[in-house]
Amino acid sequence: MTVTHAYQRLKAKLSGDVRAMEPMARHTSYRIGGPADLFLICDTVADLSEAIEILSEEGIPFVVVGKGTNLLVSDEGYRGAVLTLGKEFKRHAVEGDYVRAGAACVLAYLVQDAFARGLGGLEFAVGVPGTLGGALAMNAGTRDAWIGQVTDSVTLYVPGEGLERVSGRDITWGYRRSGLPERGIIVESVLKLAEADPRRIRLQMEQALDRRKESQPLGIPSAGSVFVNPAGDSAGRLIEAAGLKNTRLGGARVSDVHANFIVNDGGARASDVIGLIRKIQMTVRDRYGIELQPEVRFLGEFAEP
């Protein structure tokens, strides 16, 4: 693996930014994470293709990251390349009831634009952080509504093959998963919305946002829900019932607003968060016989819980 040589090649070929030893704390909602060997902003499909080809030739592993809203990066960082999608992937256009949007579009912007145009279907996503690509990858949503329900198609970049369009009907949408990351890199999607009464849209958005404000620790660095809800139960309820609310390790703390959130109170390290995750898992398993599975993604050199 020759990072220096790869850096030089990438700088010469990519239109987007190429950085070496980039602190990942700058690119995650947790504000936690050591440096990635390489950090690439791919502004075009050509950039993405070129970057993957060079990294493959140099034997350097890579991962694609959006806004890092559900990502915990090791304190030691990542020995590889982090790719993020730039300019070309931040565009969106509304064509009748359809919204064509790049994977790097911030989901909150799409929600607001749909509302401004009297299009319903994205009300559930108000207040959901991150990008459209991230939302599609994990089928973001609530118990009653999720992004897969309004997805007409997704365009993937498949390394070594090129672009592939997948119909929303052919995607296996599940709870907090879609299977899309295993098929390729999400670069664009078409969402099918519907005309609706703007007053109804506003009311539903306000209600959804109020619920989030009441039940989530907004304004404090976190990665959203830490664990997937087990079948027929709530991870937050189990953690609270186990008496773990407000449990602290270093700069990390189990939220006193919602027990399924671990927040960074300031200066938290990835090791602090991992320590709390393991403590929660062991306590809930010992008391209730339930194995909580992380919803947060892990990147870098530490053993996943």
Protein backbone atom coordinates (compact mmCIF):
# COMPACT_ATOMS: atom_id res chain seq x y z
CA MET A 1 0.00 0.00 0.00
CA THR A 2 1.63 3.24 -1.14
CA VAL A 3 -0.44 6.12 0.21
CA THR A 4 1.99 8.82 -0.91
CA HIS A 5 2.02 7.60 -4.49
CA ALA A 6 -1.76 7.24 -4.49
CA TYR A 7 -2.12 10.77 -3.13
CA GLN A 8 -0.02 12.18 -5.94
CA ARG A 9 -1.96 10.29 -8.60
CA LEU A 10 -5.31 11.29 -7.14
CA LYS A 11 -4.32 14.97 -6.88
CA ALA A 12 -3.40 14.92 -10.56
CA LYS A 13 -6.61 13.22 -11.73
CA LEU A 14 -9.53 14.32 -9.55
CA SER A 15 -11.39 17.59 -9.94
CA GLY A 16 -12.47 17.40 -6.30
CA ASP A 17 -10.33 17.92 -3.21
CA VAL A 18 -7.77 15.34 -2.10
CA ARG A 19 -6.43 15.48 1.46
CA ALA A 20 -3.92 13.42 3.42
CA MET A 21 -4.27 12.57 7.12
CA GLU A 22 -7.65 14.30 7.39
CA PRO A 23 -9.14 14.28 10.94
CA MET A 24 -12.45 12.43 10.71
CA ALA A 25 -13.78 14.30 13.73
CA ARG A 26 -14.47 17.07 11.21
CA HIS A 27 -16.77 14.80 9.22
CA THR A 28 -18.94 13.01 11.78
CA SER A 29 -21.89 14.23 13.84
CA TYR A 30 -20.17 12.71 16.89
CA ARG A 31 -17.20 15.09 16.38
CA ILE A 32 -15.04 12.06 17.12
CA GLY A 33 -12.40 10.27 15.04
CA GLY A 34 -8.72 10.19 14.19
CA PRO A 35 -7.22 10.83 10.74
CA ALA A 36 -7.97 8.95 7.53
CA ASP A 37 -4.90 8.30 5.39
CA LEU A 38 -6.73 9.86 2.45
CA PHE A 39 -9.93 11.91 2.22
CA LEU A 40 -11.36 12.38 -1.27
CA ILE A 41 -14.20 14.62 -2.41
CA CYS A 42 -15.50 13.16 -5.66
CA ASP A 43 -17.37 15.91 -7.50
CA THR A 44 -18.38 13.80 -10.52
CA VAL A 45 -19.02 10.21 -11.54
CA ALA A 46 -15.72 10.41 -13.44
CA ASP A 47 -13.97 11.38 -10.19
CA LEU A 48 -15.57 8.45 -8.40
CA SER A 49 -14.56 6.01 -11.11
CA GLU A 50 -11.00 7.36 -11.30
CA ALA A 51 -10.56 7.34 -7.53
CA ILE A 52 -11.71 3.74 -7.15
CA GLU A 53 -9.50 2.59 -10.02
CA ILE A 54 -6.40 4.26 -8.55
CA LEU A 55 -7.10 3.03 -5.02
CA SER A 56 -7.60 -0.51 -6.32
CA GLU A 57 -4.34 -0.39 -8.27
CA GLU A 58 -2.50 0.90 -5.19
CA GLY A 59 -4.10 -1.70 -2.91
CA ILE A 60 -5.70 0.89 -0.63
CA PRO A 61 -9.04 0.05 0.99
CA PHE A 62 -11.78 2.66 0.80
CA VAL A 63 -15.18 3.49 2.21
CA VAL A 64 -17.86 5.93 1.07
CA VAL A 65 -19.20 8.28 3.75
CA GLY A 66 -21.95 10.89 3.65
CA LYS A 67 -22.41 13.39 6.49
CA GLY A 68 -21.25 10.83 9.04
CA THR A 69 -24.45 11.09 11.07
CA ASN A 70 -24.47 7.43 12.13
CA LEU A 71 -20.72 6.83 12.11
CA LEU A 72 -18.20 6.24 14.89
CA VAL A 73 -14.57 6.49 13.76
CA SER A 74 -11.72 5.02 15.77
CA ASP A 75 -9.44 7.33 17.75
CA GLU A 76 -6.60 5.97 15.62
CA GLY A 77 -8.45 6.89 12.45
CA TYR A 78 -8.75 4.84 9.29
CA ARG A 79 -5.88 3.25 7.36
CA GLY A 80 -7.39 3.75 3.96
CA ALA A 81 -9.31 6.28 1.89
CA VAL A 82 -12.60 7.91 2.80
CA LEU A 83 -14.63 8.96 -0.25
CA THR A 84 -17.41 11.51 -0.05
CA LEU A 85 -19.61 12.75 -2.88
CA GLY A 86 -19.35 16.41 -3.90
CA LYS A 87 -20.85 19.00 -6.25
CA GLU A 88 -22.53 16.92 -8.96
CA PHE A 89 -24.22 14.75 -6.35
CA LYS A 90 -25.71 17.68 -4.40
CA ARG A 91 -28.10 18.73 -7.17
CA HIS A 92 -31.80 18.03 -7.28
CA ALA A 93 -34.67 18.83 -9.63
CA VAL A 94 -38.44 18.56 -9.31
CA GLU A 95 -40.31 17.19 -12.32
CA GLY A 96 -44.04 17.13 -11.56
CA ASP A 97 -44.49 14.72 -8.65
CA TYR A 98 -40.99 13.32 -9.03
CA VAL A 99 -37.84 14.56 -7.29
CA ARG A 100 -34.54 13.56 -8.89
CA ALA A 101 -31.76 14.07 -6.39
CA GLY A 102 -28.09 13.27 -5.97
CA ALA A 103 -27.01 11.08 -3.08
CA ALA A 104 -25.16 13.97 -1.42
CA CYS A 105 -28.30 16.12 -1.15
CA VAL A 106 -29.01 16.98 2.47
CA LEU A 107 -32.30 15.29 3.30
CA ALA A 108 -33.56 18.31 5.23
CA TYR A 109 -33.30 20.48 2.09
CA LEU A 110 -35.37 18.01 0.09
CA VAL A 111 -38.04 17.92 2.80
CA GLN A 112 -38.32 21.72 2.80
CA ASP A 113 -38.35 22.02 -1.00
CA ALA A 114 -41.06 19.37 -1.30
CA PHE A 115 -43.16 21.26 1.25
CA ALA A 116 -42.65 24.56 -0.60
CA ARG A 117 -43.96 22.91 -3.78
CA GLY A 118 -46.98 21.31 -2.10
CA LEU A 119 -45.63 17.78 -2.43
CA GLY A 120 -46.32 15.29 0.35
CA GLY A 121 -44.55 12.09 1.27
CA LEU A 122 -41.42 13.26 3.06
CA GLU A 123 -43.01 14.67 6.20
CA PHE A 124 -41.63 11.79 8.28
CA ALA A 125 -38.08 12.88 7.43
CA VAL A 126 -38.26 16.37 8.93
CA GLY A 127 -35.40 16.70 11.38
CA VAL A 128 -33.65 13.57 10.13
CA PRO A 129 -29.96 14.45 9.69
CA GLY A 130 -27.66 13.35 6.90
CA THR A 131 -27.90 12.88 3.17
CA LEU A 132 -30.34 11.18 0.83
CA GLY A 133 -27.75 8.48 0.11
CA GLY A 134 -27.42 7.66 3.80
CA ALA A 135 -31.20 7.62 4.20
CA LEU A 136 -31.54 5.18 1.31
CA ALA A 137 -28.73 2.96 2.56
CA MET A 138 -30.41 2.46 5.94
CA ASN A 139 -34.04 2.98 4.88
CA ALA A 140 -34.38 5.89 7.28
CA GLY A 141 -37.76 6.64 8.75
CA THR A 142 -40.15 5.97 11.58
CA ARG A 143 -42.23 2.94 12.57
CA ASP A 144 -44.96 4.11 10.21
CA ALA A 145 -43.15 5.73 7.26
CA TRP A 146 -39.75 5.31 5.62
CA ILE A 147 -37.80 6.46 2.57
CA GLY A 148 -38.32 3.18 0.69
CA GLN A 149 -42.04 3.91 0.43
CA VAL A 150 -41.43 6.93 -1.81
CA THR A 151 -38.42 5.64 -3.76
CA ASP A 152 -39.13 5.19 -7.47
CA SER A 153 -35.56 4.25 -8.44
CA VAL A 154 -31.96 4.36 -7.28
CA THR A 155 -28.88 4.74 -9.47
CA LEU A 156 -25.76 2.94 -8.27
CA TYR A 157 -22.15 3.14 -9.36
CA VAL A 158 -20.86 -0.43 -9.47
CA PRO A 159 -17.04 -0.51 -9.48
CA GLY A 160 -15.72 -2.13 -12.62
CA GLU A 161 -19.12 -2.04 -14.31
CA GLY A 162 -20.47 1.52 -14.26
CA LEU A 163 -23.90 2.95 -13.52
CA GLU A 164 -26.90 0.73 -12.79
CA ARG A 165 -30.47 1.88 -12.27
CA VAL A 166 -32.54 -0.18 -9.83
CA SER A 167 -36.31 0.13 -9.53
CA GLY A 168 -37.59 0.83 -6.03
CA ARG A 169 -39.77 -2.29 -6.38
CA ASP A 170 -36.66 -4.42 -6.77
CA ILE A 171 -35.02 -3.21 -3.58
CA THR A 172 -35.46 -5.25 -0.41
CA TRP A 173 -36.50 -2.60 2.08
CA GLY A 174 -36.24 -3.69 5.69
CA TYR A 175 -36.05 -2.16 9.14
CA ARG A 176 -33.00 0.12 9.06
CA ARG A 177 -31.60 -1.60 5.98
CA SER A 178 -32.03 -1.71 2.22
CA GLY A 179 -29.22 -3.93 0.93
CA LEU A 180 -28.16 -1.15 -1.45
CA PRO A 181 -24.61 -0.65 -0.09
CA GLU A 182 -23.81 -4.27 -0.93
CA ARG A 183 -24.87 -3.68 -4.55
CA GLY A 184 -22.91 -0.52 -5.27
CA ILE A 185 -22.41 3.13 -4.37
CA ILE A 186 -25.62 5.15 -4.29
CA VAL A 187 -25.22 8.20 -6.54
CA GLU A 188 -28.79 9.32 -7.32
CA SER A 189 -32.42 8.56 -6.63
CA VAL A 190 -35.84 9.46 -7.98
CA LEU A 191 -38.52 9.92 -5.33
CA LYS A 192 -42.23 9.70 -6.16
CA LEU A 193 -44.22 12.18 -4.09
CA ALA A 194 -47.80 13.41 -4.41
CA GLU A 195 -49.62 16.72 -4.38
CA ALA A 196 -51.06 17.46 -0.94
CA ASP A 197 -52.65 20.24 1.04
CA PRO A 198 -49.78 22.47 2.25
CA ARG A 199 -51.58 22.97 5.57
CA ARG A 200 -51.66 19.21 6.14
CA ILE A 201 -47.99 18.88 5.18
CA ARG A 202 -47.01 21.69 7.57
CA LEU A 203 -49.05 20.18 10.41
CA GLN A 204 -47.50 16.74 9.97
CA MET A 205 -44.00 18.23 9.77
CA GLU A 206 -44.55 20.28 12.90
CA GLN A 207 -45.90 17.26 14.77
CA ALA A 208 -42.95 15.10 13.66
CA LEU A 209 -40.45 17.80 14.66
CA ASP A 210 -42.13 18.31 18.04
CA ARG A 211 -41.88 14.57 18.72
CA ARG A 212 -38.18 14.63 17.90
CA LYS A 213 -37.55 17.66 20.12
CA GLU A 214 -39.36 16.00 23.02
CA SER A 215 -37.76 12.59 22.67
CA GLN A 216 -34.25 13.16 21.31
CA PRO A 217 -31.19 15.05 22.62
CA LEU A 218 -31.00 17.58 19.80
CA GLY A 219 -28.15 20.09 19.78
CA ILE A 220 -25.65 17.69 21.40
CA PRO A 221 -23.19 15.70 19.25
CA SER A 222 -24.43 12.15 18.77
CA ALA A 223 -24.89 9.55 16.04
CA GLY A 224 -28.63 9.12 16.50
CA SER A 225 -30.01 5.82 17.74
CA VAL A 226 -27.18 3.56 18.85
CA PHE A 227 -29.05 0.25 18.74
CA VAL A 228 -31.65 -1.29 16.47
CA ASN A 229 -34.94 -1.87 18.26
CA PRO A 230 -35.36 -5.60 18.96
CA ALA A 231 -38.52 -7.24 17.66
CA GLY A 232 -41.55 -6.17 19.66
CA ASP A 233 -39.61 -3.90 22.00
CA SER A 234 -37.65 -0.65 22.22
CA ALA A 235 -33.89 -0.47 22.81
CA GLY A 236 -34.37 2.80 24.65
CA ARG A 237 -36.94 1.26 27.01
CA LEU A 238 -34.66 -1.69 27.80
CA ILE A 239 -31.64 0.56 28.45
CA GLU A 240 -33.68 2.89 30.68
CA ALA A 241 -35.23 -0.04 32.55
CA ALA A 242 -31.71 -1.35 33.19
CA GLY A 243 -30.95 1.91 35.01
CA LEU A 244 -28.35 3.09 32.51
CA LYS A 245 -29.69 6.57 31.68
CA ASN A 246 -27.04 9.22 32.32
CA THR A 247 -24.28 6.59 32.68
CA ARG A 248 -20.99 8.28 31.81
CA LEU A 249 -17.60 7.13 30.56
CA GLY A 250 -15.05 9.84 29.88
CA GLY A 251 -16.72 12.48 27.73
CA ALA A 252 -19.49 10.15 26.55
CA ARG A 253 -22.85 9.75 28.28
CA VAL A 254 -26.08 7.80 27.85
CA SER A 255 -28.61 10.56 27.20
CA ASP A 256 -31.09 11.42 29.94
CA VAL A 257 -33.58 12.39 27.21
CA HIS A 258 -33.51 9.12 25.25
CA ALA A 259 -31.52 6.12 26.51
CA ASN A 260 -30.82 4.84 22.99
CA PHE A 261 -28.60 7.88 22.36
CA ILE A 262 -24.99 8.18 23.50
CA VAL A 263 -23.92 11.82 23.41
CA ASN A 264 -20.56 13.55 23.31
CA ASP A 265 -20.61 15.96 26.24
CA GLY A 266 -17.25 17.34 25.17
CA GLY A 267 -13.91 15.67 24.54
CA ALA A 268 -15.37 12.19 24.18
CA ARG A 269 -13.21 9.59 22.49
CA ALA A 270 -14.36 6.66 20.38
CA SER A 271 -13.11 4.36 23.13
CA ASP A 272 -15.51 6.05 25.57
CA VAL A 273 -18.47 5.44 23.26
CA ILE A 274 -17.42 1.85 22.60
CA GLY A 275 -17.07 1.26 26.33
CA LEU A 276 -20.62 2.48 26.94
CA ILE A 277 -21.96 0.39 24.05
CA ARG A 278 -20.39 -2.74 25.51
CA LYS A 279 -21.66 -1.96 29.01
CA ILE A 280 -25.20 -1.48 27.68
CA GLN A 281 -25.05 -4.71 25.68
CA MET A 282 -23.78 -6.75 28.62
CA THR A 283 -26.26 -5.28 31.09
CA VAL A 284 -29.30 -5.74 28.83
CA ARG A 285 -28.20 -9.27 27.90
CA ASP A 286 -27.69 -10.26 31.56
CA ARG A 287 -31.02 -8.80 32.70
CA TYR A 288 -33.32 -9.53 29.79
CA GLY A 289 -31.53 -12.10 27.64
CA ILE A 290 -31.66 -9.74 24.65
CA GLU A 291 -28.66 -9.04 22.42
CA LEU A 292 -28.83 -5.43 21.31
CA GLN A 293 -27.40 -4.93 17.82
CA PRO A 294 -25.68 -1.63 16.96
CA GLU A 295 -27.30 0.65 14.40
CA VAL A 296 -24.23 2.90 14.40
CA ARG A 297 -21.56 2.10 11.79
CA PHE A 298 -17.95 1.62 12.89
CA LEU A 299 -14.87 2.67 10.96
CA GLY A 300 -11.23 2.13 11.87
CA GLU A 301 -9.03 0.01 14.01
CA PHE A 302 -11.10 -1.17 16.93
CA ALA A 303 -13.08 -4.31 17.53
CA GLU A 304 -16.76 -3.76 16.88
CA PRO A 305 -19.08 -4.49 19.81
